[in-house]
Amino acid sequence: MRSNNRGSGRPTDPNSYEQVIQIKRVSKKTKGGSLVSFAALVVTGDKKGMVGLGLGKAPNVADAIKKAVRLANRNLVKIPVVKGTIPYQMKEKFGAAHIILKPAPSGTGIIAGGSIRSIVEAAGITDIVSKILGTTNKLSNSYATFKALKSVERLSQKHEFLKNYLKSNSTN
């Protein structure tokens, strides 16, 4: 569904959450000199299990953030949040980044640092334990976290499918 507010670039949902994880100044050498632009890494979510990650590049910071938000909203993942945590432990690798996400009992809080904290907050996870191994690069760690959450989504879909399949076969 499209909205009529063409220039704002903001999602119409008032419950949406977005946070800029990183803004980098990047330059490219050209024949005429250096071409300077900006790259923005943004996480969006609804704090109810939906989360997205986007990387936007543009000549100025505001346009890079708008583009990153648009890309993040296009790239959403639905995560099953069970009692405020994820249902499975995940180990994921992206480039040199290795991360571990573990479910935690209620009341633990978010034990996560760096970009993992922003992503799990946007997803609405309130209790989780995580560990960053390998690189401290925010971009790589963000993509590794997002990949792990996609794996959680895939595993929960498989679990749901098998549960429904076994239920339908047991009644026959």
N, C-alpha and C. Protein backbone atom coordinates (compact mmCIF):
# COMPACT_ATOMS: atom_id res chain seq x y z
N MET A 1 0.84 -1.18 0.00
CA MET A 1 0.00 0.00 0.00
C MET A 1 0.88 1.24 0.00
N ARG A 2 0.61 2.13 -0.92
CA ARG A 2 1.41 3.34 -1.03
C ARG A 2 0.76 4.50 -0.28
N SER A 3 1.59 5.39 0.17
CA SER A 3 1.06 6.58 0.84
C SER A 3 1.24 7.78 -0.08
N ASN A 4 0.51 8.84 0.20
CA ASN A 4 0.58 10.03 -0.63
C ASN A 4 1.67 11.01 -0.21
N ASN A 5 2.35 10.74 0.88
CA ASN A 5 3.40 11.66 1.33
C ASN A 5 4.69 11.33 0.58
N ARG A 6 4.83 11.87 -0.61
CA ARG A 6 5.92 11.50 -1.52
C ARG A 6 7.29 11.89 -0.99
N GLY A 7 7.45 13.06 -0.46
CA GLY A 7 8.79 13.54 -0.13
C GLY A 7 9.33 13.12 1.21
N SER A 8 8.49 12.61 2.12
CA SER A 8 8.96 12.38 3.49
C SER A 8 9.91 11.20 3.61
N GLY A 9 9.66 10.12 2.86
CA GLY A 9 10.52 8.94 2.96
C GLY A 9 10.34 8.18 4.26
N ARG A 10 9.39 8.58 5.09
CA ARG A 10 9.13 7.94 6.37
C ARG A 10 8.04 6.89 6.21
N PRO A 11 8.14 5.78 6.94
CA PRO A 11 7.06 4.80 6.90
C PRO A 11 5.81 5.37 7.55
N THR A 12 4.64 4.94 7.09
CA THR A 12 3.39 5.49 7.60
C THR A 12 3.01 4.88 8.95
N ASP A 13 3.57 3.76 9.31
CA ASP A 13 3.23 3.10 10.56
C ASP A 13 3.85 3.84 11.74
N PRO A 14 3.05 4.32 12.69
CA PRO A 14 3.61 5.05 13.84
C PRO A 14 4.40 4.15 14.79
N ASN A 15 4.18 2.83 14.73
CA ASN A 15 4.89 1.90 15.62
C ASN A 15 6.25 1.50 15.08
N SER A 16 6.61 2.00 13.90
CA SER A 16 7.87 1.57 13.30
C SER A 16 9.06 2.18 14.05
N TYR A 17 10.16 1.44 14.02
CA TYR A 17 11.37 1.82 14.74
C TYR A 17 12.51 1.81 13.74
N GLU A 18 13.31 2.84 13.75
CA GLU A 18 14.49 2.84 12.89
C GLU A 18 15.65 3.45 13.64
N GLN A 19 16.83 2.89 13.38
CA GLN A 19 18.03 3.39 14.05
C GLN A 19 19.20 3.30 13.08
N VAL A 20 19.97 4.38 13.05
CA VAL A 20 21.17 4.41 12.23
C VAL A 20 22.28 3.72 13.01
N ILE A 21 22.87 2.68 12.42
CA ILE A 21 23.94 1.94 13.08
C ILE A 21 25.29 2.60 12.79
N GLN A 22 25.48 3.01 11.52
CA GLN A 22 26.77 3.55 11.14
C GLN A 22 26.62 4.47 9.93
N ILE A 23 27.41 5.55 9.94
CA ILE A 23 27.53 6.42 8.77
C ILE A 23 29.01 6.53 8.45
N LYS A 24 29.35 6.20 7.22
CA LYS A 24 30.75 6.26 6.81
C LYS A 24 30.92 7.23 5.65
N ARG A 25 32.01 7.96 5.67
CA ARG A 25 32.36 8.84 4.56
C ARG A 25 33.26 8.03 3.64
N VAL A 26 32.86 7.89 2.39
CA VAL A 26 33.65 7.12 1.44
C VAL A 26 34.04 8.02 0.28
N SER A 27 35.23 7.81 -0.25
CA SER A 27 35.67 8.63 -1.38
C SER A 27 36.22 7.74 -2.48
N LYS A 28 36.07 8.22 -3.70
CA LYS A 28 36.50 7.49 -4.87
C LYS A 28 37.37 8.43 -5.70
N LYS A 29 38.53 7.96 -6.08
CA LYS A 29 39.41 8.77 -6.91
C LYS A 29 38.94 8.72 -8.36
N THR A 30 38.73 9.88 -8.93
CA THR A 30 38.35 9.96 -10.34
C THR A 30 39.35 10.83 -11.07
N LYS A 31 39.16 10.95 -12.38
CA LYS A 31 40.04 11.76 -13.21
C LYS A 31 40.02 13.22 -12.75
N GLY A 32 38.84 13.67 -12.31
CA GLY A 32 38.70 15.07 -11.90
C GLY A 32 39.01 15.31 -10.44
N GLY A 33 39.43 14.30 -9.69
CA GLY A 33 39.73 14.47 -8.27
C GLY A 33 39.03 13.41 -7.45
N SER A 34 38.72 13.73 -6.20
CA SER A 34 38.05 12.78 -5.32
C SER A 34 36.55 13.01 -5.33
N LEU A 35 35.79 11.93 -5.42
CA LEU A 35 34.34 11.99 -5.35
C LEU A 35 33.94 11.49 -3.96
N VAL A 36 33.39 12.38 -3.14
CA VAL A 36 33.06 12.04 -1.76
C VAL A 36 31.57 11.71 -1.67
N SER A 37 31.24 10.58 -1.01
CA SER A 37 29.85 10.23 -0.75
C SER A 37 29.76 9.60 0.63
N PHE A 38 28.55 9.23 1.03
CA PHE A 38 28.31 8.70 2.36
C PHE A 38 27.56 7.38 2.26
N ALA A 39 27.86 6.46 3.18
CA ALA A 39 27.17 5.18 3.27
C ALA A 39 26.54 5.10 4.66
N ALA A 40 25.24 4.79 4.69
CA ALA A 40 24.51 4.69 5.96
C ALA A 40 23.96 3.29 6.13
N LEU A 41 24.18 2.70 7.30
CA LEU A 41 23.64 1.39 7.65
C LEU A 41 22.52 1.61 8.66
N VAL A 42 21.30 1.18 8.30
CA VAL A 42 20.12 1.46 9.11
C VAL A 42 19.36 0.17 9.37
N VAL A 43 18.83 0.03 10.59
CA VAL A 43 17.96 -1.08 10.95
C VAL A 43 16.56 -0.53 11.21
N THR A 44 15.54 -1.22 10.68
CA THR A 44 14.16 -0.83 10.94
C THR A 44 13.42 -2.04 11.50
N GLY A 45 12.34 -1.78 12.20
CA GLY A 45 11.55 -2.88 12.76
C GLY A 45 10.28 -2.35 13.38
N ASP A 46 9.44 -3.28 13.83
CA ASP A 46 8.19 -2.87 14.49
C ASP A 46 8.15 -3.29 15.95
N LYS A 47 9.24 -3.86 16.46
CA LYS A 47 9.37 -4.34 17.84
C LYS A 47 8.35 -5.44 18.15
N LYS A 48 7.86 -6.12 17.10
CA LYS A 48 6.93 -7.24 17.27
C LYS A 48 7.38 -8.44 16.45
N GLY A 49 8.66 -8.48 16.08
CA GLY A 49 9.17 -9.62 15.34
C GLY A 49 9.62 -9.31 13.93
N MET A 50 9.27 -8.15 13.40
CA MET A 50 9.70 -7.77 12.05
C MET A 50 10.93 -6.88 12.16
N VAL A 51 11.95 -7.20 11.35
CA VAL A 51 13.19 -6.41 11.36
C VAL A 51 13.78 -6.41 9.95
N GLY A 52 14.40 -5.28 9.58
CA GLY A 52 15.03 -5.16 8.28
C GLY A 52 16.34 -4.40 8.40
N LEU A 53 17.25 -4.66 7.45
CA LEU A 53 18.56 -4.04 7.46
C LEU A 53 18.83 -3.49 6.07
N GLY A 54 19.31 -2.24 6.01
CA GLY A 54 19.59 -1.63 4.72
C GLY A 54 20.85 -0.80 4.73
N LEU A 55 21.56 -0.81 3.60
CA LEU A 55 22.77 -0.01 3.41
C LEU A 55 22.53 0.91 2.23
N GLY A 56 22.50 2.23 2.49
CA GLY A 56 22.26 3.21 1.43
C GLY A 56 23.48 4.08 1.22
N LYS A 57 23.76 4.37 -0.06
CA LYS A 57 24.90 5.23 -0.40
C LYS A 57 24.39 6.39 -1.23
N ALA A 58 24.85 7.62 -0.88
CA ALA A 58 24.41 8.82 -1.59
C ALA A 58 25.43 9.94 -1.36
N PRO A 59 25.33 11.00 -2.17
CA PRO A 59 26.27 12.11 -2.02
C PRO A 59 26.17 12.87 -0.70
N ASN A 60 24.98 12.83 -0.05
CA ASN A 60 24.89 13.47 1.27
C ASN A 60 24.26 12.52 2.28
N VAL A 61 24.42 12.83 3.55
CA VAL A 61 24.03 11.93 4.63
C VAL A 61 22.53 11.69 4.66
N ALA A 62 21.72 12.73 4.52
CA ALA A 62 20.26 12.60 4.62
C ALA A 62 19.73 11.66 3.54
N ASP A 63 20.21 11.81 2.31
CA ASP A 63 19.75 10.93 1.23
C ASP A 63 20.21 9.49 1.44
N ALA A 64 21.41 9.32 1.98
CA ALA A 64 21.92 7.97 2.26
C ALA A 64 21.04 7.28 3.31
N ILE A 65 20.63 8.02 4.35
CA ILE A 65 19.77 7.46 5.40
C ILE A 65 18.40 7.12 4.84
N LYS A 66 17.83 8.01 4.02
CA LYS A 66 16.52 7.74 3.41
C LYS A 66 16.57 6.48 2.56
N LYS A 67 17.62 6.36 1.77
CA LYS A 67 17.77 5.20 0.90
C LYS A 67 17.94 3.93 1.73
N ALA A 68 18.71 4.00 2.80
CA ALA A 68 18.93 2.84 3.67
C ALA A 68 17.63 2.41 4.34
N VAL A 69 16.80 3.37 4.78
CA VAL A 69 15.52 3.05 5.39
C VAL A 69 14.61 2.38 4.38
N ARG A 70 14.58 2.90 3.17
CA ARG A 70 13.76 2.31 2.10
C ARG A 70 14.20 0.87 1.81
N LEU A 71 15.51 0.65 1.73
CA LEU A 71 16.02 -0.70 1.48
C LEU A 71 15.74 -1.64 2.66
N ALA A 72 15.85 -1.12 3.87
CA ALA A 72 15.59 -1.94 5.06
C ALA A 72 14.13 -2.36 5.13
N ASN A 73 13.22 -1.44 4.77
CA ASN A 73 11.80 -1.77 4.79
C ASN A 73 11.42 -2.75 3.68
N ARG A 74 12.23 -2.79 2.64
CA ARG A 74 12.00 -3.73 1.54
C ARG A 74 12.53 -5.12 1.90
N ASN A 75 13.47 -5.18 2.85
CA ASN A 75 14.17 -6.41 3.18
C ASN A 75 13.83 -6.84 4.61
N LEU A 76 12.54 -7.09 4.88
CA LEU A 76 12.09 -7.42 6.24
C LEU A 76 12.06 -8.92 6.47
N VAL A 77 12.32 -9.31 7.71
CA VAL A 77 12.28 -10.70 8.15
C VAL A 77 11.34 -10.79 9.34
N LYS A 78 10.50 -11.84 9.38
CA LYS A 78 9.58 -12.07 10.50
C LYS A 78 10.20 -13.11 11.42
N ILE A 79 10.54 -12.68 12.63
CA ILE A 79 11.20 -13.56 13.60
C ILE A 79 10.18 -13.99 14.66
N PRO A 80 10.14 -15.28 14.98
CA PRO A 80 9.25 -15.70 16.06
C PRO A 80 9.86 -15.33 17.41
N VAL A 81 9.19 -14.44 18.12
CA VAL A 81 9.66 -14.04 19.45
C VAL A 81 8.83 -14.81 20.47
N VAL A 82 9.46 -15.75 21.17
CA VAL A 82 8.79 -16.61 22.13
C VAL A 82 9.19 -16.17 23.53
N LYS A 83 8.25 -15.63 24.29
CA LYS A 83 8.50 -15.15 25.66
C LYS A 83 9.65 -14.15 25.70
N GLY A 84 9.72 -13.29 24.68
CA GLY A 84 10.73 -12.23 24.65
C GLY A 84 12.09 -12.64 24.13
N THR A 85 12.25 -13.89 23.67
CA THR A 85 13.54 -14.34 23.18
C THR A 85 13.37 -15.15 21.90
N ILE A 86 14.49 -15.57 21.31
CA ILE A 86 14.43 -16.40 20.11
C ILE A 86 14.29 -17.86 20.53
N PRO A 87 13.67 -18.70 19.70
CA PRO A 87 13.46 -20.09 20.11
C PRO A 87 14.69 -21.00 19.97
N TYR A 88 15.68 -20.60 19.17
CA TYR A 88 16.83 -21.48 18.91
C TYR A 88 18.14 -20.73 19.08
N GLN A 89 19.19 -21.47 19.38
CA GLN A 89 20.53 -20.89 19.40
C GLN A 89 21.06 -20.88 17.98
N MET A 90 21.73 -19.80 17.60
CA MET A 90 22.26 -19.66 16.25
C MET A 90 23.72 -19.28 16.28
N LYS A 91 24.50 -19.91 15.42
CA LYS A 91 25.88 -19.50 15.17
C LYS A 91 25.93 -19.15 13.69
N GLU A 92 26.42 -17.97 13.38
CA GLU A 92 26.44 -17.54 11.98
C GLU A 92 27.74 -16.86 11.65
N LYS A 93 28.11 -16.93 10.38
CA LYS A 93 29.36 -16.35 9.90
C LYS A 93 29.06 -15.52 8.67
N PHE A 94 29.65 -14.34 8.61
CA PHE A 94 29.56 -13.50 7.41
C PHE A 94 30.93 -12.84 7.25
N GLY A 95 31.67 -13.25 6.25
CA GLY A 95 33.02 -12.74 6.08
C GLY A 95 33.88 -13.13 7.27
N ALA A 96 34.50 -12.17 7.91
CA ALA A 96 35.33 -12.43 9.09
C ALA A 96 34.53 -12.36 10.38
N ALA A 97 33.24 -12.06 10.29
CA ALA A 97 32.42 -11.91 11.49
C ALA A 97 31.79 -13.25 11.87
N HIS A 98 31.94 -13.63 13.12
CA HIS A 98 31.30 -14.82 13.69
C HIS A 98 30.46 -14.32 14.85
N ILE A 99 29.18 -14.69 14.87
CA ILE A 99 28.35 -14.29 16.01
C ILE A 99 27.58 -15.50 16.53
N ILE A 100 27.26 -15.42 17.81
CA ILE A 100 26.45 -16.45 18.47
C ILE A 100 25.27 -15.74 19.13
N LEU A 101 24.07 -16.23 18.86
CA LEU A 101 22.85 -15.73 19.51
C LEU A 101 22.24 -16.88 20.30
N LYS A 102 21.98 -16.65 21.59
CA LYS A 102 21.41 -17.69 22.44
C LYS A 102 20.13 -17.19 23.07
N PRO A 103 19.11 -18.04 23.16
CA PRO A 103 17.90 -17.66 23.90
C PRO A 103 18.23 -17.50 25.38
N ALA A 104 17.52 -16.62 26.03
CA ALA A 104 17.78 -16.35 27.45
C ALA A 104 16.47 -16.38 28.23
N PRO A 105 16.54 -16.74 29.52
CA PRO A 105 15.32 -16.74 30.33
C PRO A 105 14.78 -15.32 30.54
N SER A 106 13.51 -15.25 30.84
CA SER A 106 12.85 -13.97 31.03
C SER A 106 13.52 -13.18 32.16
N GLY A 107 13.75 -11.89 31.92
CA GLY A 107 14.38 -11.03 32.90
C GLY A 107 15.87 -10.85 32.69
N THR A 108 16.45 -11.57 31.76
CA THR A 108 17.89 -11.46 31.51
C THR A 108 18.25 -10.13 30.87
N GLY A 109 17.44 -9.68 29.94
CA GLY A 109 17.72 -8.45 29.22
C GLY A 109 18.52 -8.74 27.96
N ILE A 110 18.92 -7.69 27.27
CA ILE A 110 19.70 -7.84 26.04
C ILE A 110 21.18 -7.77 26.40
N ILE A 111 21.82 -8.93 26.38
CA ILE A 111 23.27 -8.98 26.62
C ILE A 111 23.91 -9.08 25.25
N ALA A 112 24.11 -7.92 24.66
CA ALA A 112 24.66 -7.85 23.31
C ALA A 112 25.34 -6.50 23.16
N GLY A 113 26.36 -6.48 22.35
CA GLY A 113 27.07 -5.23 22.14
C GLY A 113 27.05 -4.83 20.69
N GLY A 114 27.43 -3.61 20.44
CA GLY A 114 27.59 -3.13 19.08
C GLY A 114 26.31 -3.15 18.29
N SER A 115 26.42 -3.62 17.07
CA SER A 115 25.29 -3.57 16.15
C SER A 115 24.25 -4.65 16.45
N ILE A 116 24.62 -5.71 17.15
CA ILE A 116 23.66 -6.77 17.47
C ILE A 116 22.54 -6.21 18.34
N ARG A 117 22.89 -5.38 19.30
CA ARG A 117 21.90 -4.78 20.21
C ARG A 117 20.84 -4.01 19.44
N SER A 118 21.27 -3.18 18.48
CA SER A 118 20.32 -2.38 17.70
C SER A 118 19.36 -3.27 16.93
N ILE A 119 19.87 -4.34 16.34
CA ILE A 119 19.04 -5.20 15.51
C ILE A 119 18.03 -5.98 16.34
N VAL A 120 18.46 -6.55 17.48
CA VAL A 120 17.52 -7.32 18.29
C VAL A 120 16.50 -6.41 18.98
N GLU A 121 16.87 -5.17 19.30
CA GLU A 121 15.91 -4.22 19.84
C GLU A 121 14.83 -3.90 18.81
N ALA A 122 15.24 -3.71 17.56
CA ALA A 122 14.29 -3.41 16.50
C ALA A 122 13.34 -4.58 16.26
N ALA A 123 13.81 -5.80 16.51
CA ALA A 123 12.98 -6.98 16.33
C ALA A 123 12.00 -7.18 17.48
N GLY A 124 12.24 -6.52 18.60
CA GLY A 124 11.35 -6.67 19.74
C GLY A 124 11.79 -7.77 20.70
N ILE A 125 13.01 -8.22 20.57
CA ILE A 125 13.54 -9.24 21.47
C ILE A 125 13.99 -8.54 22.75
N THR A 126 13.53 -9.04 23.89
CA THR A 126 13.86 -8.39 25.16
C THR A 126 14.89 -9.17 25.98
N ASP A 127 15.04 -10.47 25.70
CA ASP A 127 15.98 -11.31 26.45
C ASP A 127 16.80 -12.13 25.47
N ILE A 128 18.10 -11.87 25.43
CA ILE A 128 18.98 -12.62 24.54
C ILE A 128 20.42 -12.48 25.04
N VAL A 129 21.22 -13.51 24.78
CA VAL A 129 22.64 -13.48 25.07
C VAL A 129 23.37 -13.65 23.75
N SER A 130 24.37 -12.81 23.51
CA SER A 130 25.09 -12.91 22.24
C SER A 130 26.57 -12.71 22.46
N LYS A 131 27.33 -13.15 21.47
CA LYS A 131 28.77 -12.98 21.52
C LYS A 131 29.27 -12.70 20.12
N ILE A 132 30.11 -11.67 20.00
CA ILE A 132 30.75 -11.34 18.73
C ILE A 132 32.15 -11.94 18.76
N LEU A 133 32.44 -12.77 17.78
CA LEU A 133 33.77 -13.37 17.64
C LEU A 133 34.32 -12.89 16.30
N GLY A 134 35.61 -12.78 16.19
CA GLY A 134 36.19 -12.35 14.92
C GLY A 134 36.30 -10.84 14.86
N THR A 135 35.78 -10.25 13.80
CA THR A 135 35.96 -8.84 13.53
C THR A 135 35.06 -7.95 14.38
N THR A 136 35.45 -6.69 14.51
CA THR A 136 34.63 -5.69 15.20
C THR A 136 33.94 -4.77 14.19
N ASN A 137 34.01 -5.11 12.91
CA ASN A 137 33.40 -4.31 11.86
C ASN A 137 31.87 -4.32 12.01
N LYS A 138 31.26 -3.15 12.16
CA LYS A 138 29.82 -3.06 12.38
C LYS A 138 29.01 -3.61 11.22
N LEU A 139 29.47 -3.34 10.01
CA LEU A 139 28.75 -3.80 8.83
C LEU A 139 28.72 -5.33 8.76
N SER A 140 29.87 -5.96 8.93
CA SER A 140 29.95 -7.43 8.89
C SER A 140 29.15 -8.06 10.03
N ASN A 141 29.25 -7.50 11.22
CA ASN A 141 28.50 -8.04 12.36
C ASN A 141 26.99 -7.87 12.17
N SER A 142 26.57 -6.75 11.57
CA SER A 142 25.15 -6.53 11.31
C SER A 142 24.62 -7.55 10.32
N TYR A 143 25.36 -7.77 9.25
CA TYR A 143 24.93 -8.74 8.24
C TYR A 143 24.93 -10.16 8.81
N ALA A 144 25.90 -10.49 9.66
CA ALA A 144 25.93 -11.81 10.29
C ALA A 144 24.73 -12.00 11.21
N THR A 145 24.38 -10.96 11.97
CA THR A 145 23.21 -11.01 12.86
C THR A 145 21.94 -11.18 12.06
N PHE A 146 21.83 -10.41 10.98
CA PHE A 146 20.63 -10.49 10.14
C PHE A 146 20.51 -11.88 9.51
N LYS A 147 21.64 -12.43 9.09
CA LYS A 147 21.67 -13.78 8.51
C LYS A 147 21.22 -14.81 9.56
N ALA A 148 21.66 -14.64 10.81
CA ALA A 148 21.27 -15.55 11.89
C ALA A 148 19.77 -15.45 12.16
N LEU A 149 19.22 -14.24 12.13
CA LEU A 149 17.79 -14.08 12.35
C LEU A 149 16.98 -14.65 11.19
N LYS A 150 17.51 -14.57 9.97
CA LYS A 150 16.85 -15.22 8.83
C LYS A 150 16.84 -16.74 9.02
N SER A 151 17.93 -17.27 9.57
CA SER A 151 18.00 -18.71 9.84
C SER A 151 16.99 -19.12 10.91
N VAL A 152 16.80 -18.27 11.92
CA VAL A 152 15.78 -18.53 12.95
C VAL A 152 14.40 -18.57 12.30
N GLU A 153 14.14 -17.63 11.39
CA GLU A 153 12.86 -17.58 10.69
C GLU A 153 12.65 -18.87 9.88
N ARG A 154 13.67 -19.29 9.15
CA ARG A 154 13.59 -20.51 8.32
C ARG A 154 13.35 -21.74 9.18
N LEU A 155 14.08 -21.85 10.30
CA LEU A 155 13.91 -23.00 11.20
C LEU A 155 12.50 -23.04 11.79
N SER A 156 11.97 -21.89 12.17
CA SER A 156 10.62 -21.87 12.75
C SER A 156 9.57 -22.23 11.70
N GLN A 157 9.80 -21.83 10.44
CA GLN A 157 8.87 -22.21 9.37
C GLN A 157 8.91 -23.72 9.14
N LYS A 158 10.11 -24.31 9.18
CA LYS A 158 10.23 -25.76 9.03
C LYS A 158 9.54 -26.48 10.18
N HIS A 159 9.75 -25.97 11.38
CA HIS A 159 9.14 -26.56 12.57
C HIS A 159 7.61 -26.51 12.47
N GLU A 160 7.08 -25.38 12.05
CA GLU A 160 5.64 -25.20 11.91
C GLU A 160 5.08 -26.15 10.84
N PHE A 161 5.80 -26.26 9.73
CA PHE A 161 5.38 -27.15 8.65
C PHE A 161 5.34 -28.60 9.11
N LEU A 162 6.41 -29.03 9.79
CA LEU A 162 6.46 -30.41 10.28
C LEU A 162 5.37 -30.69 11.31
N LYS A 163 5.11 -29.72 12.18
CA LYS A 163 4.08 -29.88 13.19
C LYS A 163 2.72 -30.06 12.52
N ASN A 164 2.43 -29.22 11.52
CA ASN A 164 1.15 -29.32 10.80
C ASN A 164 1.08 -30.61 9.99
N TYR A 165 2.20 -31.02 9.41
CA TYR A 165 2.24 -32.25 8.61
C TYR A 165 1.97 -33.47 9.47
N LEU A 166 2.63 -33.52 10.64
CA LEU A 166 2.44 -34.65 11.53
C LEU A 166 1.03 -34.67 12.11
N LYS A 167 0.49 -33.50 12.38
CA LYS A 167 -0.88 -33.41 12.91
C LYS A 167 -1.87 -33.92 11.86
N SER A 168 -1.69 -33.54 10.60
CA SER A 168 -2.63 -33.97 9.54
C SER A 168 -2.49 -35.46 9.26
N ASN A 169 -1.30 -36.04 9.39
CA ASN A 169 -1.10 -37.47 9.14
C ASN A 169 -1.57 -38.32 10.32
N SER A 170 -1.54 -37.77 11.53
CA SER A 170 -1.98 -38.55 12.69
C SER A 170 -3.50 -38.69 12.73
N THR A 171 -4.23 -37.74 12.13
CA THR A 171 -5.69 -37.82 12.12
C THR A 171 -6.19 -38.78 11.05
N ASN A 172 -5.37 -39.10 10.04
CA ASN A 172 -5.80 -40.01 8.96
C ASN A 172 -5.73 -41.45 9.38
